[in-house]
Amino acid sequence: MVVAILFAILGVILGLLSPVTIPITYARYTAVALLAALDSIFGAFKAYIAGTFEPRVFFSGLLTNMTLAGGLTYFGDKLGVDLSIAAIVAFGVRIFNTLGAIRRHYL
């Protein structure tokens, strides 16, 4: 677990220092995909501390969440409706609920 956290921190540092820019047309898709990934990561951590973590469930949930979020954003763009807000609200609520459960576990 410590190794995963160290590599996550290293990845964030390298990402901040790299000169990669995301085109504005993909910015919403990237933001929603990152939020979906954070939801899956926090859910995996919650499962880990509960002793029920399974990598297969984590990776399938990660791919499903990111695909669903990207699909909602894409179809919203095609319809002229900002459906990315639905994904942002849904994943945001889930992240806060998961973080609350993690906090309660450690208190």
PDB file of N, CA and C in Angstrom:
ATOM      1  N   MET A   1       0.814  -1.186   0.000  1.00  0.00           N
ATOM      2  CA  MET A   1       0.000   0.000   0.000  1.00  0.00           C
ATOM      3  C   MET A   1       0.864   1.259   0.000  1.00  0.00           C
ATOM      4  N   VAL A   2       1.948   1.215   0.737  1.00  0.00           N
ATOM      5  CA  VAL A   2       2.849   2.369   0.799  1.00  0.00           C
ATOM      6  C   VAL A   2       3.470   2.626  -0.571  1.00  0.00           C
ATOM      7  N   VAL A   3       3.819   1.558  -1.275  1.00  0.00           N
ATOM      8  CA  VAL A   3       4.412   1.704  -2.606  1.00  0.00           C
ATOM      9  C   VAL A   3       3.415   2.356  -3.559  1.00  0.00           C
ATOM     10  N   ALA A   4       2.154   1.956  -3.486  1.00  0.00           N
ATOM     11  CA  ALA A   4       1.130   2.544  -4.350  1.00  0.00           C
ATOM     12  C   ALA A   4       0.969   4.033  -4.073  1.00  0.00           C
ATOM     13  N   ILE A   5       0.974   4.406  -2.816  1.00  0.00           N
ATOM     14  CA  ILE A   5       0.839   5.822  -2.455  1.00  0.00           C
ATOM     15  C   ILE A   5       2.044   6.621  -2.933  1.00  0.00           C
ATOM     16  N   LEU A   6       3.242   6.061  -2.764  1.00  0.00           N
ATOM     17  CA  LEU A   6       4.448   6.757  -3.230  1.00  0.00           C
ATOM     18  C   LEU A   6       4.430   6.960  -4.739  1.00  0.00           C
ATOM     19  N   PHE A   7       4.024   5.924  -5.486  1.00  0.00           N
ATOM     20  CA  PHE A   7       3.976   6.066  -6.935  1.00  0.00           C
ATOM     21  C   PHE A   7       2.856   7.008  -7.374  1.00  0.00           C
ATOM     22  N   ALA A   8       1.761   7.058  -6.633  1.00  0.00           N
ATOM     23  CA  ALA A   8       0.705   8.016  -6.945  1.00  0.00           C
ATOM     24  C   ALA A   8       1.208   9.441  -6.753  1.00  0.00           C
ATOM     25  N   ILE A   9       1.925   9.677  -5.668  1.00  0.00           N
ATOM     26  CA  ILE A   9       2.499  11.008  -5.419  1.00  0.00           C
ATOM     27  C   ILE A   9       3.520  11.355  -6.498  1.00  0.00           C
ATOM     28  N   LEU A  10       4.360  10.389  -6.860  1.00  0.00           N
ATOM     29  CA  LEU A  10       5.340  10.611  -7.922  1.00  0.00           C
ATOM     30  C   LEU A  10       4.648  10.927  -9.247  1.00  0.00           C
ATOM     31  N   GLY A  11       3.561  10.226  -9.545  1.00  0.00           N
ATOM     32  CA  GLY A  11       2.813  10.480 -10.775  1.00  0.00           C
ATOM     33  C   GLY A  11       2.206  11.868 -10.808  1.00  0.00           C
ATOM     34  N   VAL A  12       1.680  12.316  -9.683  1.00  0.00           N
ATOM     35  CA  VAL A  12       1.109  13.663  -9.614  1.00  0.00           C
ATOM     36  C   VAL A  12       2.201  14.708  -9.816  1.00  0.00           C
ATOM     37  N   ILE A  13       3.341  14.513  -9.180  1.00  0.00           N
ATOM     38  CA  ILE A  13       4.451  15.467  -9.325  1.00  0.00           C
ATOM     39  C   ILE A  13       4.932  15.516 -10.772  1.00  0.00           C
ATOM     40  N   LEU A  14       5.122  14.345 -11.388  1.00  0.00           N
ATOM     41  CA  LEU A  14       5.557  14.324 -12.787  1.00  0.00           C
ATOM     42  C   LEU A  14       4.508  14.945 -13.700  1.00  0.00           C
ATOM     43  N   GLY A  15       3.242  14.716 -13.411  1.00  0.00           N
ATOM     44  CA  GLY A  15       2.175  15.310 -14.211  1.00  0.00           C
ATOM     45  C   GLY A  15       2.152  16.824 -14.114  1.00  0.00           C
ATOM     46  N   LEU A  16       2.411  17.336 -12.930  1.00  0.00           N
ATOM     47  CA  LEU A  16       2.428  18.790 -12.756  1.00  0.00           C
ATOM     48  C   LEU A  16       3.645  19.435 -13.408  1.00  0.00           C
ATOM     49  N   LEU A  17       4.754  18.710 -13.462  1.00  0.00           N
ATOM     50  CA  LEU A  17       5.979  19.267 -14.032  1.00  0.00           C
ATOM     51  C   LEU A  17       6.083  19.088 -15.549  1.00  0.00           C
ATOM     52  N   SER A  18       5.260  18.220 -16.131  1.00  0.00           N
ATOM     53  CA  SER A  18       5.350  17.987 -17.573  1.00  0.00           C
ATOM     54  C   SER A  18       4.603  19.088 -18.328  1.00  0.00           C
ATOM     55  N   PRO A  19       5.094  19.432 -19.522  1.00  0.00           N
ATOM     56  CA  PRO A  19       4.483  20.518 -20.285  1.00  0.00           C
ATOM     57  C   PRO A  19       3.310  20.064 -21.167  1.00  0.00           C
ATOM     58  N   VAL A  20       2.632  18.987 -20.791  1.00  0.00           N
ATOM     59  CA  VAL A  20       1.524  18.476 -21.592  1.00  0.00           C
ATOM     60  C   VAL A  20       0.298  19.356 -21.378  1.00  0.00           C
ATOM     61  N   THR A  21      -0.339  19.740 -22.481  1.00  0.00           N
ATOM     62  CA  THR A  21      -1.579  20.507 -22.387  1.00  0.00           C
ATOM     63  C   THR A  21      -2.706  19.702 -23.017  1.00  0.00           C
ATOM     64  N   ILE A  22      -3.877  19.827 -22.451  1.00  0.00           N
ATOM     65  CA  ILE A  22      -5.050  19.126 -22.960  1.00  0.00           C
ATOM     66  C   ILE A  22      -5.839  20.112 -23.811  1.00  0.00           C
ATOM     67  N   PRO A  23      -6.171  19.736 -25.053  1.00  0.00           N
ATOM     68  CA  PRO A  23      -6.963  20.645 -25.894  1.00  0.00           C
ATOM     69  C   PRO A  23      -8.305  20.965 -25.227  1.00  0.00           C
ATOM     70  N   ILE A  24      -8.795  22.160 -25.441  1.00  0.00           N
ATOM     71  CA  ILE A  24     -10.019  22.622 -24.789  1.00  0.00           C
ATOM     72  C   ILE A  24     -11.216  21.744 -25.145  1.00  0.00           C
ATOM     73  N   THR A  25     -11.199  21.130 -26.321  1.00  0.00           N
ATOM     74  CA  THR A  25     -12.325  20.282 -26.709  1.00  0.00           C
ATOM     75  C   THR A  25     -12.391  19.006 -25.877  1.00  0.00           C
ATOM     76  N   TYR A  26     -11.266  18.580 -25.320  1.00  0.00           N
ATOM     77  CA  TYR A  26     -11.239  17.366 -24.502  1.00  0.00           C
ATOM     78  C   TYR A  26     -11.200  17.659 -23.009  1.00  0.00           C
ATOM     79  N   ALA A  27     -11.211  18.913 -22.625  1.00  0.00           N
ATOM     80  CA  ALA A  27     -11.053  19.267 -21.215  1.00  0.00           C
ATOM     81  C   ALA A  27     -12.193  18.720 -20.360  1.00  0.00           C
ATOM     82  N   ARG A  28     -13.427  18.833 -20.841  1.00  0.00           N
ATOM     83  CA  ARG A  28     -14.555  18.311 -20.053  1.00  0.00           C
ATOM     84  C   ARG A  28     -14.501  16.800 -19.941  1.00  0.00           C
ATOM     85  N   TYR A  29     -14.122  16.125 -21.028  1.00  0.00           N
ATOM     86  CA  TYR A  29     -14.023  14.664 -20.985  1.00  0.00           C
ATOM     87  C   TYR A  29     -12.939  14.226 -20.003  1.00  0.00           C
ATOM     88  N   THR A  30     -11.831  14.933 -20.010  1.00  0.00           N
ATOM     89  CA  THR A  30     -10.736  14.603 -19.096  1.00  0.00           C
ATOM     90  C   THR A  30     -11.146  14.842 -17.646  1.00  0.00           C
ATOM     91  N   ALA A  31     -11.819  15.948 -17.389  1.00  0.00           N
ATOM     92  CA  ALA A  31     -12.243  16.258 -16.024  1.00  0.00           C
ATOM     93  C   ALA A  31     -13.224  15.218 -15.501  1.00  0.00           C
ATOM     94  N   VAL A  32     -14.180  14.826 -16.322  1.00  0.00           N
ATOM     95  CA  VAL A  32     -15.173  13.841 -15.896  1.00  0.00           C
ATOM     96  C   VAL A  32     -14.516  12.475 -15.721  1.00  0.00           C
ATOM     97  N   ALA A  33     -13.582  12.131 -16.602  1.00  0.00           N
ATOM     98  CA  ALA A  33     -12.884  10.845 -16.473  1.00  0.00           C
ATOM     99  C   ALA A  33     -12.030  10.810 -15.207  1.00  0.00           C
ATOM    100  N   LEU A  34     -11.373  11.918 -14.882  1.00  0.00           N
ATOM    101  CA  LEU A  34     -10.586  11.976 -13.646  1.00  0.00           C
ATOM    102  C   LEU A  34     -11.473  11.863 -12.409  1.00  0.00           C
ATOM    103  N   LEU A  35     -12.629  12.489 -12.446  1.00  0.00           N
ATOM    104  CA  LEU A  35     -13.553  12.384 -11.322  1.00  0.00           C
ATOM    105  C   LEU A  35     -14.055  10.949 -11.167  1.00  0.00           C
ATOM    106  N   ALA A  36     -14.337  10.281 -12.286  1.00  0.00           N
ATOM    107  CA  ALA A  36     -14.759   8.880 -12.233  1.00  0.00           C
ATOM    108  C   ALA A  36     -13.637   7.998 -11.700  1.00  0.00           C
ATOM    109  N   ALA A  37     -12.410   8.288 -12.105  1.00  0.00           N
ATOM    110  CA  ALA A  37     -11.272   7.511 -11.608  1.00  0.00           C
ATOM    111  C   ALA A  37     -11.078   7.731 -10.111  1.00  0.00           C
ATOM    112  N   LEU A  38     -11.219   8.967  -9.651  1.00  0.00           N
ATOM    113  CA  LEU A  38     -11.105   9.242  -8.214  1.00  0.00           C
ATOM    114  C   LEU A  38     -12.180   8.505  -7.425  1.00  0.00           C
ATOM    115  N   ASP A  39     -13.388   8.455  -7.973  1.00  0.00           N
ATOM    116  CA  ASP A  39     -14.461   7.715  -7.311  1.00  0.00           C
ATOM    117  C   ASP A  39     -14.086   6.249  -7.161  1.00  0.00           C
ATOM    118  N   SER A  40     -13.532   5.662  -8.205  1.00  0.00           N
ATOM    119  CA  SER A  40     -13.130   4.257  -8.146  1.00  0.00           C
ATOM    120  C   SER A  40     -11.967   4.044  -7.182  1.00  0.00           C
ATOM    121  N   ILE A  41     -11.022   4.960  -7.169  1.00  0.00           N
ATOM    122  CA  ILE A  41      -9.858   4.823  -6.282  1.00  0.00           C
ATOM    123  C   ILE A  41     -10.274   4.928  -4.822  1.00  0.00           C
ATOM    124  N   PHE A  42     -11.120   5.909  -4.493  1.00  0.00           N
ATOM    125  CA  PHE A  42     -11.577   6.025  -3.109  1.00  0.00           C
ATOM    126  C   PHE A  42     -12.446   4.837  -2.712  1.00  0.00           C
ATOM    127  N   GLY A  43     -13.247   4.332  -3.648  1.00  0.00           N
ATOM    128  CA  GLY A  43     -14.034   3.135  -3.364  1.00  0.00           C
ATOM    129  C   GLY A  43     -13.156   1.923  -3.123  1.00  0.00           C
ATOM    130  N   ALA A  44     -12.062   1.826  -3.882  1.00  0.00           N
ATOM    131  CA  ALA A  44     -11.121   0.720  -3.679  1.00  0.00           C
ATOM    132  C   ALA A  44     -10.440   0.830  -2.324  1.00  0.00           C
ATOM    133  N   PHE A  45     -10.101   2.042  -1.920  1.00  0.00           N
ATOM    134  CA  PHE A  45      -9.476   2.222  -0.604  1.00  0.00           C
ATOM    135  C   PHE A  45     -10.449   1.860   0.511  1.00  0.00           C
ATOM    136  N   LYS A  46     -11.707   2.233   0.338  1.00  0.00           N
ATOM    137  CA  LYS A  46     -12.730   1.870   1.327  1.00  0.00           C
ATOM    138  C   LYS A  46     -12.871   0.352   1.411  1.00  0.00           C
ATOM    139  N   ALA A  47     -12.871  -0.317   0.262  1.00  0.00           N
ATOM    140  CA  ALA A  47     -12.952  -1.779   0.261  1.00  0.00           C
ATOM    141  C   ALA A  47     -11.701  -2.401   0.873  1.00  0.00           C
ATOM    142  N   TYR A  48     -10.560  -1.789   0.648  1.00  0.00           N
ATOM    143  CA  TYR A  48      -9.305  -2.299   1.208  1.00  0.00           C
ATOM    144  C   TYR A  48      -9.321  -2.254   2.731  1.00  0.00           C
ATOM    145  N   ILE A  49      -9.757  -1.141   3.300  1.00  0.00           N
ATOM    146  CA  ILE A  49      -9.764  -1.055   4.760  1.00  0.00           C
ATOM    147  C   ILE A  49     -10.864  -1.923   5.361  1.00  0.00           C
ATOM    148  N   ALA A  50     -11.894  -2.247   4.572  1.00  0.00           N
ATOM    149  CA  ALA A  50     -12.944  -3.147   5.051  1.00  0.00           C
ATOM    150  C   ALA A  50     -12.555  -4.609   4.850  1.00  0.00           C
ATOM    151  N   GLY A  51     -11.470  -4.843   4.095  1.00  0.00           N
ATOM    152  CA  GLY A  51     -11.003  -6.204   3.849  1.00  0.00           C
ATOM    153  C   GLY A  51     -11.742  -6.916   2.737  1.00  0.00           C
ATOM    154  N   THR A  52     -12.420  -6.177   1.870  1.00  0.00           N
ATOM    155  CA  THR A  52     -13.192  -6.784   0.789  1.00  0.00           C
ATOM    156  C   THR A  52     -12.697  -6.385  -0.596  1.00  0.00           C
ATOM    157  N   PHE A  53     -11.487  -5.854  -0.695  1.00  0.00           N
ATOM    158  CA  PHE A  53     -10.968  -5.385  -1.982  1.00  0.00           C
ATOM    159  C   PHE A  53     -10.689  -6.556  -2.910  1.00  0.00           C
ATOM    160  N   GLU A  54     -11.147  -6.421  -4.163  1.00  0.00           N
ATOM    161  CA  GLU A  54     -10.852  -7.386  -5.220  1.00  0.00           C
ATOM    162  C   GLU A  54     -10.431  -6.604  -6.458  1.00  0.00           C
ATOM    163  N   PRO A  55      -9.245  -6.893  -6.991  1.00  0.00           N
ATOM    164  CA  PRO A  55      -8.758  -6.129  -8.150  1.00  0.00           C
ATOM    165  C   PRO A  55      -9.693  -6.193  -9.357  1.00  0.00           C
ATOM    166  N   ARG A  56     -10.311  -7.328  -9.592  1.00  0.00           N
ATOM    167  CA  ARG A  56     -11.209  -7.469 -10.749  1.00  0.00           C
ATOM    168  C   ARG A  56     -12.390  -6.506 -10.629  1.00  0.00           C
ATOM    169  N   VAL A  57     -12.947  -6.403  -9.439  1.00  0.00           N
ATOM    170  CA  VAL A  57     -14.063  -5.484  -9.212  1.00  0.00           C
ATOM    171  C   VAL A  57     -13.596  -4.038  -9.376  1.00  0.00           C
ATOM    172  N   PHE A  58     -12.399  -3.736  -8.880  1.00  0.00           N
ATOM    173  CA  PHE A  58     -11.869  -2.377  -9.001  1.00  0.00           C
ATOM    174  C   PHE A  58     -11.699  -1.978 -10.463  1.00  0.00           C
ATOM    175  N   PHE A  59     -11.026  -2.820 -11.245  1.00  0.00           N
ATOM    176  CA  PHE A  59     -10.757  -2.451 -12.637  1.00  0.00           C
ATOM    177  C   PHE A  59     -12.033  -2.409 -13.475  1.00  0.00           C
ATOM    178  N   SER A  60     -12.962  -3.327 -13.225  1.00  0.00           N
ATOM    179  CA  SER A  60     -14.215  -3.279 -13.980  1.00  0.00           C
ATOM    180  C   SER A  60     -15.016  -2.034 -13.601  1.00  0.00           C
ATOM    181  N   GLY A  61     -15.015  -1.670 -12.323  1.00  0.00           N
ATOM    182  CA  GLY A  61     -15.703  -0.453 -11.900  1.00  0.00           C
ATOM    183  C   GLY A  61     -15.052   0.797 -12.461  1.00  0.00           C
ATOM    184  N   LEU A  62     -13.725   0.805 -12.492  1.00  0.00           N
ATOM    185  CA  LEU A  62     -12.994   1.945 -13.047  1.00  0.00           C
ATOM    186  C   LEU A  62     -13.351   2.148 -14.518  1.00  0.00           C
ATOM    187  N   LEU A  63     -13.288   1.085 -15.296  1.00  0.00           N
ATOM    188  CA  LEU A  63     -13.603   1.194 -16.725  1.00  0.00           C
ATOM    189  C   LEU A  63     -15.068   1.550 -16.951  1.00  0.00           C
ATOM    190  N   THR A  64     -15.959   0.958 -16.167  1.00  0.00           N
ATOM    191  CA  THR A  64     -17.381   1.255 -16.318  1.00  0.00           C
ATOM    192  C   THR A  64     -17.676   2.707 -15.965  1.00  0.00           C
ATOM    193  N   ASN A  65     -17.131   3.184 -14.857  1.00  0.00           N
ATOM    194  CA  ASN A  65     -17.361   4.577 -14.448  1.00  0.00           C
ATOM    195  C   ASN A  65     -16.836   5.557 -15.485  1.00  0.00           C
ATOM    196  N   MET A  66     -15.626   5.316 -15.974  1.00  0.00           N
ATOM    197  CA  MET A  66     -15.043   6.238 -16.949  1.00  0.00           C
ATOM    198  C   MET A  66     -15.806   6.204 -18.268  1.00  0.00           C
ATOM    199  N   THR A  67     -16.233   5.014 -18.684  1.00  0.00           N
ATOM    200  CA  THR A  67     -16.999   4.895 -19.923  1.00  0.00           C
ATOM    201  C   THR A  67     -18.355   5.577 -19.795  1.00  0.00           C
ATOM    202  N   LEU A  68     -19.026   5.352 -18.684  1.00  0.00           N
ATOM    203  CA  LEU A  68     -20.328   5.977 -18.463  1.00  0.00           C
ATOM    204  C   LEU A  68     -20.214   7.497 -18.405  1.00  0.00           C
ATOM    205  N   ALA A  69     -19.215   8.001 -17.702  1.00  0.00           N
ATOM    206  CA  ALA A  69     -19.031   9.449 -17.597  1.00  0.00           C
ATOM    207  C   ALA A  69     -18.707  10.060 -18.958  1.00  0.00           C
ATOM    208  N   GLY A  70     -17.810   9.414 -19.697  1.00  0.00           N
ATOM    209  CA  GLY A  70     -17.482   9.910 -21.033  1.00  0.00           C
ATOM    210  C   GLY A  70     -18.667   9.831 -21.975  1.00  0.00           C
ATOM    211  N   GLY A  71     -19.429   8.746 -21.882  1.00  0.00           N
ATOM    212  CA  GLY A  71     -20.616   8.593 -22.725  1.00  0.00           C
ATOM    213  C   GLY A  71     -21.670   9.645 -22.431  1.00  0.00           C
ATOM    214  N   LEU A  72     -21.918   9.909 -21.158  1.00  0.00           N
ATOM    215  CA  LEU A  72     -22.878  10.961 -20.802  1.00  0.00           C
ATOM    216  C   LEU A  72     -22.437  12.318 -21.340  1.00  0.00           C
ATOM    217  N   THR A  73     -21.166  12.609 -21.201  1.00  0.00           N
ATOM    218  CA  THR A  73     -20.651  13.890 -21.686  1.00  0.00           C
ATOM    219  C   THR A  73     -20.754  13.978 -23.205  1.00  0.00           C
ATOM    220  N   TYR A  74     -20.423  12.886 -23.898  1.00  0.00           N
ATOM    221  CA  TYR A  74     -20.485  12.870 -25.366  1.00  0.00           C
ATOM    222  C   TYR A  74     -21.920  13.054 -25.863  1.00  0.00           C
ATOM    223  N   PHE A  75     -22.841  12.275 -25.296  1.00  0.00           N
ATOM    224  CA  PHE A  75     -24.230  12.388 -25.742  1.00  0.00           C
ATOM    225  C   PHE A  75     -24.821  13.746 -25.372  1.00  0.00           C
ATOM    226  N   GLY A  76     -24.398  14.288 -24.253  1.00  0.00           N
ATOM    227  CA  GLY A  76     -24.835  15.633 -23.896  1.00  0.00           C
ATOM    228  C   GLY A  76     -24.344  16.670 -24.890  1.00  0.00           C
ATOM    229  N   ASP A  77     -23.105  16.517 -25.356  1.00  0.00           N
ATOM    230  CA  ASP A  77     -22.575  17.427 -26.377  1.00  0.00           C
ATOM    231  C   ASP A  77     -23.371  17.318 -27.670  1.00  0.00           C
ATOM    232  N   LYS A  78     -23.719  16.100 -28.053  1.00  0.00           N
ATOM    233  CA  LYS A  78     -24.475  15.897 -29.296  1.00  0.00           C
ATOM    234  C   LYS A  78     -25.894  16.447 -29.197  1.00  0.00           C
ATOM    235  N   LEU A  79     -26.479  16.385 -27.993  1.00  0.00           N
ATOM    236  CA  LEU A  79     -27.839  16.885 -27.799  1.00  0.00           C
ATOM    237  C   LEU A  79     -27.882  18.372 -27.470  1.00  0.00           C
ATOM    238  N   GLY A  80     -26.728  18.955 -27.184  1.00  0.00           N
ATOM    239  CA  GLY A  80     -26.680  20.360 -26.814  1.00  0.00           C
ATOM    240  C   GLY A  80     -27.049  20.606 -25.357  1.00  0.00           C
ATOM    241  N   VAL A  81     -26.962  19.546 -24.543  1.00  0.00           N
ATOM    242  CA  VAL A  81     -27.282  19.637 -23.118  1.00  0.00           C
ATOM    243  C   VAL A  81     -26.024  19.272 -22.345  1.00  0.00           C
ATOM    244  N   ASP A  82     -25.756  19.984 -21.272  1.00  0.00           N
ATOM    245  CA  ASP A  82     -24.540  19.726 -20.500  1.00  0.00           C
ATOM    246  C   ASP A  82     -24.773  18.578 -19.519  1.00  0.00           C
ATOM    247  N   LEU A  83     -24.752  17.334 -20.029  1.00  0.00           N
ATOM    248  CA  LEU A  83     -24.961  16.158 -19.185  1.00  0.00           C
ATOM    249  C   LEU A  83     -23.742  15.821 -18.338  1.00  0.00           C
ATOM    250  N   SER A  84     -22.626  16.491 -18.587  1.00  0.00           N
ATOM    251  CA  SER A  84     -21.457  16.239 -17.745  1.00  0.00           C
ATOM    252  C   SER A  84     -21.726  16.672 -16.308  1.00  0.00           C
ATOM    253  N   ILE A  85     -22.653  17.601 -16.126  1.00  0.00           N
ATOM    254  CA  ILE A  85     -23.012  18.028 -14.773  1.00  0.00           C
ATOM    255  C   ILE A  85     -23.617  16.867 -13.998  1.00  0.00           C
ATOM    256  N   ALA A  86     -24.408  16.022 -14.668  1.00  0.00           N
ATOM    257  CA  ALA A  86     -24.996  14.856 -14.000  1.00  0.00           C
ATOM    258  C   ALA A  86     -23.905  13.926 -13.498  1.00  0.00           C
ATOM    259  N   ALA A  87     -22.890  13.694 -14.320  1.00  0.00           N
ATOM    260  CA  ALA A  87     -21.785  12.830 -13.908  1.00  0.00           C
ATOM    261  C   ALA A  87     -20.994  13.472 -12.778  1.00  0.00           C
ATOM    262  N   ILE A  88     -20.769  14.768 -12.857  1.00  0.00           N
ATOM    263  CA  ILE A  88     -20.012  15.465 -11.817  1.00  0.00           C
ATOM    264  C   ILE A  88     -20.741  15.388 -10.477  1.00  0.00           C
ATOM    265  N   VAL A  89     -22.045  15.613 -10.495  1.00  0.00           N
ATOM    266  CA  VAL A  89     -22.821  15.552  -9.254  1.00  0.00           C
ATOM    267  C   VAL A  89     -22.838  14.131  -8.702  1.00  0.00           C
ATOM    268  N   ALA A  90     -23.095  13.151  -9.566  1.00  0.00           N
ATOM    269  CA  ALA A  90     -23.173  11.758  -9.105  1.00  0.00           C
ATOM    270  C   ALA A  90     -21.845  11.289  -8.514  1.00  0.00           C
ATOM    271  N   PHE A  91     -20.763  11.511  -9.228  1.00  0.00           N
ATOM    272  CA  PHE A  91     -19.463  11.071  -8.722  1.00  0.00           C
ATOM    273  C   PHE A  91     -19.028  11.893  -7.513  1.00  0.00           C
ATOM    274  N   GLY A  92     -19.365  13.171  -7.499  1.00  0.00           N
ATOM    275  CA  GLY A  92     -19.030  14.000  -6.347  1.00  0.00           C
ATOM    276  C   GLY A  92     -19.718  13.523  -5.079  1.00  0.00           C
ATOM    277  N   VAL A  93     -20.996  13.203  -5.183  1.00  0.00           N
ATOM    278  CA  VAL A  93     -21.732  12.697  -4.022  1.00  0.00           C
ATOM    279  C   VAL A  93     -21.148  11.372  -3.559  1.00  0.00           C
ATOM    280  N   ARG A  94     -20.836  10.491  -4.510  1.00  0.00           N
ATOM    281  CA  ARG A  94     -20.261   9.194  -4.136  1.00  0.00           C
ATOM    282  C   ARG A  94     -18.896   9.353  -3.474  1.00  0.00           C
ATOM    283  N   ILE A  95     -18.090  10.269  -3.971  1.00  0.00           N
ATOM    284  CA  ILE A  95     -16.769  10.490  -3.372  1.00  0.00           C
ATOM    285  C   ILE A  95     -16.920  10.993  -1.939  1.00  0.00           C
ATOM    286  N   PHE A  96     -17.810  11.943  -1.712  1.00  0.00           N
ATOM    287  CA  PHE A  96     -17.996  12.462  -0.356  1.00  0.00           C
ATOM    288  C   PHE A  96     -18.546  11.390   0.579  1.00  0.00           C
ATOM    289  N   ASN A  97     -19.462  10.547   0.100  1.00  0.00           N
ATOM    290  CA  ASN A  97     -19.971   9.456   0.932  1.00  0.00           C
ATOM    291  C   ASN A  97     -18.872   8.458   1.268  1.00  0.00           C
ATOM    292  N   THR A  98     -18.049   8.132   0.288  1.00  0.00           N
ATOM    293  CA  THR A  98     -16.959   7.187   0.518  1.00  0.00           C
ATOM    294  C   THR A  98     -15.934   7.761   1.487  1.00  0.00           C
ATOM    295  N   LEU A  99     -15.574   9.028   1.300  1.00  0.00           N
ATOM    296  CA  LEU A  99     -14.628   9.654   2.226  1.00  0.00           C
ATOM    297  C   LEU A  99     -15.199   9.738   3.640  1.00  0.00           C
ATOM    298  N   GLY A 100     -16.500   9.938   3.753  1.00  0.00           N
ATOM    299  CA  GLY A 100     -17.130   9.934   5.067  1.00  0.00           C
ATOM    300  C   GLY A 100     -17.042   8.568   5.729  1.00  0.00           C
ATOM    301  N   ALA A 101     -17.237   7.507   4.946  1.00  0.00           N
ATOM    302  CA  ALA A 101     -17.124   6.150   5.491  1.00  0.00           C
ATOM    303  C   ALA A 101     -15.689   5.848   5.907  1.00  0.00           C
ATOM    304  N   ILE A 102     -14.722   6.307   5.120  1.00  0.00           N
ATOM    305  CA  ILE A 102     -13.312   6.094   5.466  1.00  0.00           C
ATOM    306  C   ILE A 102     -12.975   6.854   6.747  1.00  0.00           C
ATOM    307  N   ARG A 103     -13.463   8.066   6.845  1.00  0.00           N
ATOM    308  CA  ARG A 103     -13.222   8.869   8.051  1.00  0.00           C
ATOM    309  C   ARG A 103     -13.826   8.196   9.279  1.00  0.00           C
ATOM    310  N   ARG A 104     -15.059   7.702   9.152  1.00  0.00           N
ATOM    311  CA  ARG A 104     -15.699   7.019  10.282  1.00  0.00           C
ATOM    312  C   ARG A 104     -14.943   5.762  10.679  1.00  0.00           C
ATOM    313  N   HIS A 105     -14.347   5.090   9.710  1.00  0.00           N
ATOM    314  CA  HIS A 105     -13.580   3.882  10.015  1.00  0.00           C
ATOM    315  C   HIS A 105     -12.374   4.208  10.895  1.00  0.00           C
ATOM    316  N   TYR A 106     -11.717   5.318  10.617  1.00  0.00           N
ATOM    317  CA  TYR A 106     -10.512   5.670  11.363  1.00  0.00           C
ATOM    318  C   TYR A 106     -10.795   6.421  12.662  1.00  0.00           C
ATOM    319  N   LEU A 107     -12.026   6.854  12.862  1.00  0.00           N
ATOM    320  CA  LEU A 107     -12.368   7.530  14.125  1.00  0.00           C
ATOM    321  C   LEU A 107     -12.827   6.505  15.071  1.00  0.00           C
TER     322      LEU A 107
END
